[in-house]
Amino acid sequence: MTQGRGYCLPMVGSDGQFVTLDRGGRMTRSLSHPYLDHSCLPLLRRWIREHLPAVDDLVFRAEVVCTELVANAVDHVGGGGDVRIRPTPGGWLIEVDDTDPEGVLTPGRSRLGSNRGRGLTLISAFASWGVRRTRDGKTVWAVIDIAE
């Protein structure tokens, strides 16, 4: 599969995680993991700490973005989807699938109460993000750039 300026050739490693070769032949790790509820968040944060490069505050930003995207899917849709984390040219992509094709994401607002609704605003501070509608629901994605 061609992606941007580099080539990503996904393969499954012996540990079940994806191994990606970039154009320079460097191996990096990608994650694809199902989630049902908030119990997966410590595992996702640990994976991020172990596999993302310690560049600037990348690990912190990725932990916040991933946690917020999965928590939103669990809180607003009820859980049950997949989260993917993979390198892109110049950054990292985090994607969270859910089963709600109609859900509207509005930064700063939540249908769950006035003490909620700050997650997407926080994500916006660390990443560009968007929504891709699918046949079975939607994918909320965020790209965290690595400063060059």
N, C-alpha and C. Protein backbone atom coordinates (compact mmCIF):
# COMPACT_ATOMS: atom_id res chain seq x y z
N MET A 1 0.84 -1.16 0.00
CA MET A 1 0.00 0.00 0.00
C MET A 1 0.89 1.23 0.00
N THR A 2 0.65 2.19 -0.86
CA THR A 2 1.42 3.42 -0.91
C THR A 2 0.76 4.45 -0.01
N GLN A 3 1.57 5.19 0.72
CA GLN A 3 1.02 6.19 1.62
C GLN A 3 1.91 7.42 1.60
N GLY A 4 1.39 8.52 1.11
CA GLY A 4 2.14 9.76 1.10
C GLY A 4 3.47 9.61 0.39
N ARG A 5 4.53 10.05 1.05
CA ARG A 5 5.87 9.99 0.46
C ARG A 5 6.54 8.64 0.65
N GLY A 6 6.03 7.80 1.55
CA GLY A 6 6.68 6.53 1.84
C GLY A 6 5.81 5.36 1.46
N TYR A 7 6.35 4.19 1.65
CA TYR A 7 5.61 2.96 1.39
C TYR A 7 5.42 2.23 2.69
N CYS A 8 4.22 1.78 2.96
CA CYS A 8 3.95 1.01 4.15
C CYS A 8 3.59 -0.39 3.71
N LEU A 9 4.37 -1.35 4.11
CA LEU A 9 4.12 -2.74 3.77
C LEU A 9 3.77 -3.47 5.06
N PRO A 10 2.48 -3.61 5.38
CA PRO A 10 2.14 -4.22 6.66
C PRO A 10 2.38 -5.72 6.64
N MET A 11 2.98 -6.20 7.72
CA MET A 11 3.18 -7.63 7.95
C MET A 11 2.85 -7.88 9.41
N VAL A 12 2.45 -9.08 9.75
CA VAL A 12 2.16 -9.39 11.14
C VAL A 12 3.41 -10.00 11.75
N GLY A 13 3.87 -9.41 12.86
CA GLY A 13 5.03 -9.93 13.56
C GLY A 13 4.67 -11.12 14.42
N SER A 14 5.66 -11.74 15.01
CA SER A 14 5.44 -12.93 15.82
C SER A 14 4.59 -12.63 17.06
N ASP A 15 4.54 -11.37 17.47
CA ASP A 15 3.74 -11.00 18.63
C ASP A 15 2.32 -10.57 18.25
N GLY A 16 1.95 -10.71 16.99
CA GLY A 16 0.61 -10.37 16.55
C GLY A 16 0.43 -8.91 16.19
N GLN A 17 1.46 -8.08 16.41
CA GLN A 17 1.37 -6.68 16.05
C GLN A 17 1.86 -6.51 14.62
N PHE A 18 1.47 -5.42 14.01
CA PHE A 18 1.89 -5.17 12.64
C PHE A 18 3.30 -4.60 12.64
N VAL A 19 4.09 -5.05 11.70
CA VAL A 19 5.42 -4.49 11.46
C VAL A 19 5.32 -3.75 10.14
N THR A 20 5.78 -2.53 10.11
CA THR A 20 5.70 -1.72 8.90
C THR A 20 7.10 -1.34 8.46
N LEU A 21 7.38 -1.49 7.17
CA LEU A 21 8.64 -1.04 6.61
C LEU A 21 8.38 0.27 5.88
N ASP A 22 9.14 1.30 6.22
CA ASP A 22 8.97 2.55 5.49
C ASP A 22 9.87 2.52 4.26
N ARG A 23 9.87 3.58 3.50
CA ARG A 23 10.62 3.62 2.23
C ARG A 23 12.11 3.36 2.45
N GLY A 24 12.63 3.76 3.60
CA GLY A 24 14.04 3.55 3.91
C GLY A 24 14.33 2.16 4.44
N GLY A 25 13.31 1.29 4.53
CA GLY A 25 13.52 -0.06 5.02
C GLY A 25 13.53 -0.17 6.53
N ARG A 26 13.21 0.92 7.23
CA ARG A 26 13.18 0.90 8.69
C ARG A 26 11.89 0.24 9.17
N MET A 27 12.01 -0.61 10.18
CA MET A 27 10.84 -1.28 10.71
C MET A 27 10.24 -0.46 11.85
N THR A 28 8.95 -0.29 11.82
CA THR A 28 8.24 0.36 12.91
C THR A 28 7.06 -0.53 13.27
N ARG A 29 6.45 -0.27 14.38
CA ARG A 29 5.32 -1.06 14.84
C ARG A 29 4.02 -0.29 14.62
N SER A 30 2.98 -1.04 14.31
CA SER A 30 1.63 -0.50 14.22
C SER A 30 0.75 -1.37 15.08
N LEU A 31 -0.33 -0.82 15.58
CA LEU A 31 -1.22 -1.56 16.46
C LEU A 31 -2.63 -1.55 15.88
N SER A 32 -3.28 -2.67 15.92
CA SER A 32 -4.70 -2.77 15.63
C SER A 32 -5.29 -3.60 16.77
N HIS A 33 -6.20 -3.00 17.54
CA HIS A 33 -6.67 -3.65 18.76
C HIS A 33 -8.17 -3.39 18.95
N PRO A 34 -8.94 -4.42 19.25
CA PRO A 34 -10.37 -4.19 19.54
C PRO A 34 -10.53 -3.59 20.94
N TYR A 35 -11.63 -2.88 21.12
CA TYR A 35 -11.95 -2.37 22.45
C TYR A 35 -13.43 -2.63 22.71
N LEU A 36 -13.76 -2.83 23.96
CA LEU A 36 -15.15 -2.99 24.38
C LEU A 36 -15.55 -1.91 25.36
N ASP A 37 -14.61 -1.49 26.20
CA ASP A 37 -14.90 -0.52 27.25
C ASP A 37 -13.61 0.19 27.61
N HIS A 38 -13.63 0.92 28.73
CA HIS A 38 -12.46 1.69 29.15
C HIS A 38 -11.29 0.83 29.62
N SER A 39 -11.52 -0.46 29.83
CA SER A 39 -10.45 -1.31 30.38
C SER A 39 -9.25 -1.45 29.46
N CYS A 40 -9.39 -1.14 28.18
CA CYS A 40 -8.26 -1.26 27.26
C CYS A 40 -7.33 -0.04 27.32
N LEU A 41 -7.73 1.03 27.97
CA LEU A 41 -6.94 2.27 27.93
C LEU A 41 -5.54 2.10 28.51
N PRO A 42 -5.35 1.42 29.65
CA PRO A 42 -3.97 1.22 30.13
C PRO A 42 -3.10 0.46 29.14
N LEU A 43 -3.65 -0.55 28.47
CA LEU A 43 -2.90 -1.31 27.48
C LEU A 43 -2.49 -0.40 26.32
N LEU A 44 -3.41 0.43 25.84
CA LEU A 44 -3.10 1.33 24.73
C LEU A 44 -2.03 2.33 25.12
N ARG A 45 -2.14 2.91 26.33
CA ARG A 45 -1.12 3.86 26.78
C ARG A 45 0.24 3.19 26.91
N ARG A 46 0.27 1.97 27.44
CA ARG A 46 1.53 1.24 27.57
C ARG A 46 2.13 0.97 26.19
N TRP A 47 1.31 0.55 25.21
CA TRP A 47 1.80 0.29 23.87
C TRP A 47 2.41 1.56 23.28
N ILE A 48 1.74 2.67 23.47
CA ILE A 48 2.25 3.96 22.96
C ILE A 48 3.61 4.28 23.59
N ARG A 49 3.72 4.14 24.92
CA ARG A 49 4.99 4.43 25.59
C ARG A 49 6.12 3.53 25.11
N GLU A 50 5.80 2.27 24.80
CA GLU A 50 6.84 1.31 24.40
C GLU A 50 7.23 1.40 22.93
N HIS A 51 6.36 1.93 22.07
CA HIS A 51 6.63 1.85 20.63
C HIS A 51 6.78 3.18 19.91
N LEU A 52 6.29 4.26 20.45
CA LEU A 52 6.46 5.54 19.77
C LEU A 52 7.80 6.15 20.16
N PRO A 53 8.43 6.85 19.24
CA PRO A 53 9.73 7.45 19.55
C PRO A 53 9.57 8.58 20.56
N ALA A 54 10.56 8.73 21.40
CA ALA A 54 10.55 9.79 22.41
C ALA A 54 11.01 11.09 21.77
N VAL A 55 10.17 11.63 20.91
CA VAL A 55 10.45 12.87 20.19
C VAL A 55 9.56 13.95 20.78
N ASP A 56 10.19 15.01 21.29
CA ASP A 56 9.44 16.10 21.92
C ASP A 56 8.42 15.51 22.90
N ASP A 57 7.19 15.91 22.80
CA ASP A 57 6.13 15.40 23.69
C ASP A 57 5.19 14.46 22.94
N LEU A 58 5.69 13.78 21.91
CA LEU A 58 4.87 12.90 21.08
C LEU A 58 4.14 11.85 21.89
N VAL A 59 4.84 11.17 22.80
CA VAL A 59 4.23 10.09 23.57
C VAL A 59 3.07 10.64 24.40
N PHE A 60 3.27 11.76 25.06
CA PHE A 60 2.21 12.37 25.86
C PHE A 60 1.02 12.73 24.99
N ARG A 61 1.27 13.39 23.86
CA ARG A 61 0.18 13.78 22.97
C ARG A 61 -0.58 12.57 22.45
N ALA A 62 0.15 11.51 22.07
CA ALA A 62 -0.50 10.30 21.56
C ALA A 62 -1.33 9.62 22.64
N GLU A 63 -0.83 9.58 23.86
CA GLU A 63 -1.60 8.98 24.96
C GLU A 63 -2.91 9.74 25.18
N VAL A 64 -2.83 11.05 25.19
CA VAL A 64 -4.04 11.87 25.41
C VAL A 64 -5.03 11.68 24.27
N VAL A 65 -4.55 11.78 23.03
CA VAL A 65 -5.44 11.67 21.87
C VAL A 65 -6.09 10.30 21.81
N CYS A 66 -5.30 9.25 21.96
CA CYS A 66 -5.84 7.89 21.88
C CYS A 66 -6.86 7.64 22.99
N THR A 67 -6.51 8.04 24.21
CA THR A 67 -7.42 7.86 25.35
C THR A 67 -8.73 8.59 25.13
N GLU A 68 -8.66 9.82 24.66
CA GLU A 68 -9.88 10.61 24.44
C GLU A 68 -10.74 10.02 23.33
N LEU A 69 -10.12 9.60 22.23
CA LEU A 69 -10.92 9.05 21.12
C LEU A 69 -11.63 7.75 21.54
N VAL A 70 -10.92 6.86 22.21
CA VAL A 70 -11.54 5.60 22.64
C VAL A 70 -12.59 5.88 23.72
N ALA A 71 -12.29 6.74 24.68
CA ALA A 71 -13.26 7.07 25.73
C ALA A 71 -14.53 7.68 25.13
N ASN A 72 -14.39 8.54 24.13
CA ASN A 72 -15.56 9.11 23.47
C ASN A 72 -16.41 8.02 22.83
N ALA A 73 -15.76 7.09 22.14
CA ALA A 73 -16.50 6.02 21.48
C ALA A 73 -17.23 5.16 22.51
N VAL A 74 -16.58 4.86 23.61
CA VAL A 74 -17.21 4.05 24.67
C VAL A 74 -18.36 4.81 25.31
N ASP A 75 -18.13 6.07 25.67
CA ASP A 75 -19.14 6.86 26.37
C ASP A 75 -20.35 7.19 25.51
N HIS A 76 -20.13 7.51 24.25
CA HIS A 76 -21.21 7.98 23.40
C HIS A 76 -21.88 6.88 22.57
N VAL A 77 -21.14 5.80 22.30
CA VAL A 77 -21.69 4.75 21.44
C VAL A 77 -21.89 3.45 22.23
N GLY A 78 -21.18 3.31 23.31
CA GLY A 78 -21.32 2.11 24.11
C GLY A 78 -20.18 1.12 23.94
N GLY A 79 -19.18 1.48 23.19
CA GLY A 79 -18.03 0.61 23.03
C GLY A 79 -18.19 -0.38 21.91
N GLY A 80 -17.18 -1.17 21.74
CA GLY A 80 -17.19 -2.19 20.70
C GLY A 80 -16.72 -1.67 19.37
N GLY A 81 -15.43 -1.67 19.15
CA GLY A 81 -14.85 -1.23 17.88
C GLY A 81 -13.38 -1.57 17.85
N ASP A 82 -12.66 -0.89 16.98
CA ASP A 82 -11.23 -1.11 16.84
C ASP A 82 -10.49 0.21 16.93
N VAL A 83 -9.28 0.14 17.47
CA VAL A 83 -8.37 1.28 17.48
C VAL A 83 -7.11 0.87 16.74
N ARG A 84 -6.63 1.78 15.89
CA ARG A 84 -5.41 1.53 15.14
C ARG A 84 -4.45 2.70 15.35
N ILE A 85 -3.19 2.35 15.52
CA ILE A 85 -2.14 3.35 15.67
C ILE A 85 -1.03 2.96 14.71
N ARG A 86 -0.64 3.89 13.83
CA ARG A 86 0.41 3.55 12.88
C ARG A 86 1.17 4.81 12.48
N PRO A 87 2.42 4.59 12.07
CA PRO A 87 3.21 5.74 11.64
C PRO A 87 2.76 6.23 10.27
N THR A 88 2.93 7.51 10.05
CA THR A 88 2.71 8.13 8.75
C THR A 88 3.96 8.96 8.45
N PRO A 89 4.14 9.36 7.23
CA PRO A 89 5.28 10.25 6.97
C PRO A 89 5.15 11.53 7.78
N GLY A 90 6.03 11.71 8.73
CA GLY A 90 6.04 12.92 9.54
C GLY A 90 5.16 12.89 10.78
N GLY A 91 4.59 11.74 11.12
CA GLY A 91 3.74 11.71 12.31
C GLY A 91 3.16 10.35 12.61
N TRP A 92 2.08 10.34 13.36
CA TRP A 92 1.38 9.11 13.75
C TRP A 92 -0.11 9.30 13.56
N LEU A 93 -0.78 8.26 13.06
CA LEU A 93 -2.21 8.27 12.84
C LEU A 93 -2.87 7.37 13.88
N ILE A 94 -3.89 7.89 14.53
CA ILE A 94 -4.71 7.12 15.46
C ILE A 94 -6.12 7.11 14.90
N GLU A 95 -6.69 5.92 14.73
CA GLU A 95 -8.05 5.77 14.21
C GLU A 95 -8.87 4.94 15.18
N VAL A 96 -10.09 5.38 15.45
CA VAL A 96 -11.00 4.64 16.32
C VAL A 96 -12.31 4.45 15.58
N ASP A 97 -12.69 3.19 15.39
CA ASP A 97 -13.95 2.84 14.74
C ASP A 97 -15.03 2.68 15.79
N ASP A 98 -16.26 3.07 15.44
CA ASP A 98 -17.41 2.76 16.28
C ASP A 98 -18.59 2.41 15.39
N THR A 99 -19.70 2.07 15.98
CA THR A 99 -20.85 1.58 15.23
C THR A 99 -21.96 2.61 15.08
N ASP A 100 -21.67 3.87 15.32
CA ASP A 100 -22.69 4.92 15.23
C ASP A 100 -22.46 5.78 13.99
N PRO A 101 -23.16 5.50 12.89
CA PRO A 101 -22.93 6.27 11.67
C PRO A 101 -23.52 7.68 11.72
N GLU A 102 -24.44 7.92 12.63
CA GLU A 102 -25.13 9.21 12.67
C GLU A 102 -24.54 10.20 13.67
N GLY A 103 -23.68 9.73 14.57
CA GLY A 103 -23.16 10.59 15.63
C GLY A 103 -22.49 11.84 15.10
N VAL A 104 -22.79 12.97 15.72
CA VAL A 104 -22.20 14.25 15.35
C VAL A 104 -21.20 14.63 16.43
N LEU A 105 -19.99 14.95 16.02
CA LEU A 105 -18.95 15.34 16.97
C LEU A 105 -18.85 16.86 16.98
N THR A 106 -19.06 17.45 18.15
CA THR A 106 -19.02 18.90 18.30
C THR A 106 -18.06 19.26 19.42
N PRO A 107 -16.90 19.81 19.09
CA PRO A 107 -15.96 20.19 20.14
C PRO A 107 -16.59 21.17 21.13
N GLY A 108 -16.36 20.91 22.42
CA GLY A 108 -16.86 21.80 23.46
C GLY A 108 -18.28 21.52 23.91
N ARG A 109 -18.94 20.54 23.31
CA ARG A 109 -20.31 20.19 23.70
C ARG A 109 -20.45 18.69 23.88
N SER A 110 -21.31 18.32 24.82
CA SER A 110 -21.57 16.90 25.05
C SER A 110 -23.04 16.71 25.41
N ARG A 111 -23.62 15.67 24.89
CA ARG A 111 -24.99 15.34 25.28
C ARG A 111 -25.02 14.62 26.63
N LEU A 112 -23.84 14.38 27.20
CA LEU A 112 -23.75 13.68 28.48
C LEU A 112 -23.67 14.62 29.68
N GLY A 113 -23.80 15.92 29.45
CA GLY A 113 -23.84 16.86 30.57
C GLY A 113 -22.87 18.01 30.41
N SER A 114 -23.08 19.04 31.22
CA SER A 114 -22.30 20.27 31.09
C SER A 114 -20.87 20.12 31.59
N ASN A 115 -20.58 19.09 32.38
CA ASN A 115 -19.21 18.87 32.85
C ASN A 115 -18.39 18.06 31.87
N ARG A 116 -18.93 17.80 30.71
CA ARG A 116 -18.26 16.99 29.69
C ARG A 116 -18.04 17.84 28.45
N GLY A 117 -17.46 17.24 27.41
CA GLY A 117 -17.35 17.94 26.13
C GLY A 117 -16.03 18.61 25.87
N ARG A 118 -15.03 18.33 26.66
CA ARG A 118 -13.74 18.98 26.44
C ARG A 118 -12.75 18.11 25.66
N GLY A 119 -13.08 16.85 25.43
CA GLY A 119 -12.16 15.92 24.80
C GLY A 119 -11.72 16.31 23.41
N LEU A 120 -12.66 16.67 22.53
CA LEU A 120 -12.29 17.04 21.17
C LEU A 120 -11.52 18.36 21.12
N THR A 121 -11.82 19.25 22.05
CA THR A 121 -11.05 20.50 22.14
C THR A 121 -9.61 20.19 22.53
N LEU A 122 -9.44 19.27 23.46
CA LEU A 122 -8.11 18.84 23.86
C LEU A 122 -7.38 18.15 22.70
N ILE A 123 -8.07 17.28 22.00
CA ILE A 123 -7.48 16.60 20.84
C ILE A 123 -7.04 17.64 19.81
N SER A 124 -7.85 18.66 19.59
CA SER A 124 -7.51 19.70 18.61
C SER A 124 -6.22 20.43 18.96
N ALA A 125 -5.89 20.49 20.24
CA ALA A 125 -4.65 21.15 20.66
C ALA A 125 -3.41 20.32 20.29
N PHE A 126 -3.59 19.01 20.13
CA PHE A 126 -2.47 18.11 19.89
C PHE A 126 -2.41 17.51 18.50
N ALA A 127 -3.50 17.57 17.75
CA ALA A 127 -3.56 16.84 16.48
C ALA A 127 -4.60 17.45 15.56
N SER A 128 -4.47 17.16 14.28
CA SER A 128 -5.58 17.42 13.37
C SER A 128 -6.46 16.18 13.42
N TRP A 129 -7.77 16.35 13.25
CA TRP A 129 -8.66 15.19 13.36
C TRP A 129 -9.84 15.35 12.43
N GLY A 130 -10.54 14.26 12.23
CA GLY A 130 -11.72 14.29 11.39
C GLY A 130 -12.52 13.00 11.54
N VAL A 131 -13.57 12.90 10.75
CA VAL A 131 -14.48 11.76 10.82
C VAL A 131 -14.65 11.21 9.40
N ARG A 132 -14.58 9.91 9.29
CA ARG A 132 -14.85 9.22 8.03
C ARG A 132 -16.04 8.30 8.27
N ARG A 133 -17.12 8.53 7.56
CA ARG A 133 -18.32 7.69 7.70
C ARG A 133 -18.09 6.39 6.95
N THR A 134 -18.54 5.31 7.54
CA THR A 134 -18.40 3.99 6.91
C THR A 134 -19.78 3.34 6.83
N ARG A 135 -19.85 2.23 6.16
CA ARG A 135 -21.11 1.50 6.04
C ARG A 135 -21.62 1.04 7.41
N ASP A 136 -20.68 0.69 8.30
CA ASP A 136 -21.05 0.13 9.60
C ASP A 136 -20.97 1.12 10.75
N GLY A 137 -20.61 2.35 10.49
CA GLY A 137 -20.47 3.33 11.57
C GLY A 137 -19.63 4.49 11.13
N LYS A 138 -18.60 4.77 11.90
CA LYS A 138 -17.68 5.85 11.53
C LYS A 138 -16.30 5.56 12.11
N THR A 139 -15.32 6.22 11.54
CA THR A 139 -13.95 6.21 12.05
C THR A 139 -13.59 7.64 12.39
N VAL A 140 -13.21 7.86 13.64
CA VAL A 140 -12.68 9.16 14.05
C VAL A 140 -11.17 9.01 14.05
N TRP A 141 -10.49 9.90 13.33
CA TRP A 141 -9.05 9.79 13.17
C TRP A 141 -8.37 11.06 13.66
N ALA A 142 -7.13 10.92 14.05
CA ALA A 142 -6.30 12.06 14.43
C ALA A 142 -4.88 11.81 13.96
N VAL A 143 -4.25 12.85 13.44
CA VAL A 143 -2.86 12.78 13.01
C VAL A 143 -2.05 13.69 13.91
N ILE A 144 -1.05 13.10 14.54
CA ILE A 144 -0.15 13.85 15.41
C ILE A 144 1.15 14.04 14.64
N ASP A 145 1.48 15.27 14.36
CA ASP A 145 2.70 15.57 13.60
C ASP A 145 3.91 15.55 14.53
N ILE A 146 5.03 15.10 13.97
CA ILE A 146 6.30 15.17 14.68
C ILE A 146 7.03 16.38 14.13
N ALA A 147 7.42 17.28 15.03
CA ALA A 147 8.14 18.48 14.60
C ALA A 147 9.45 18.07 13.99
N GLU A 148 9.77 18.66 12.85
CA GLU A 148 11.03 18.33 12.18
C GLU A 148 12.07 19.37 12.47
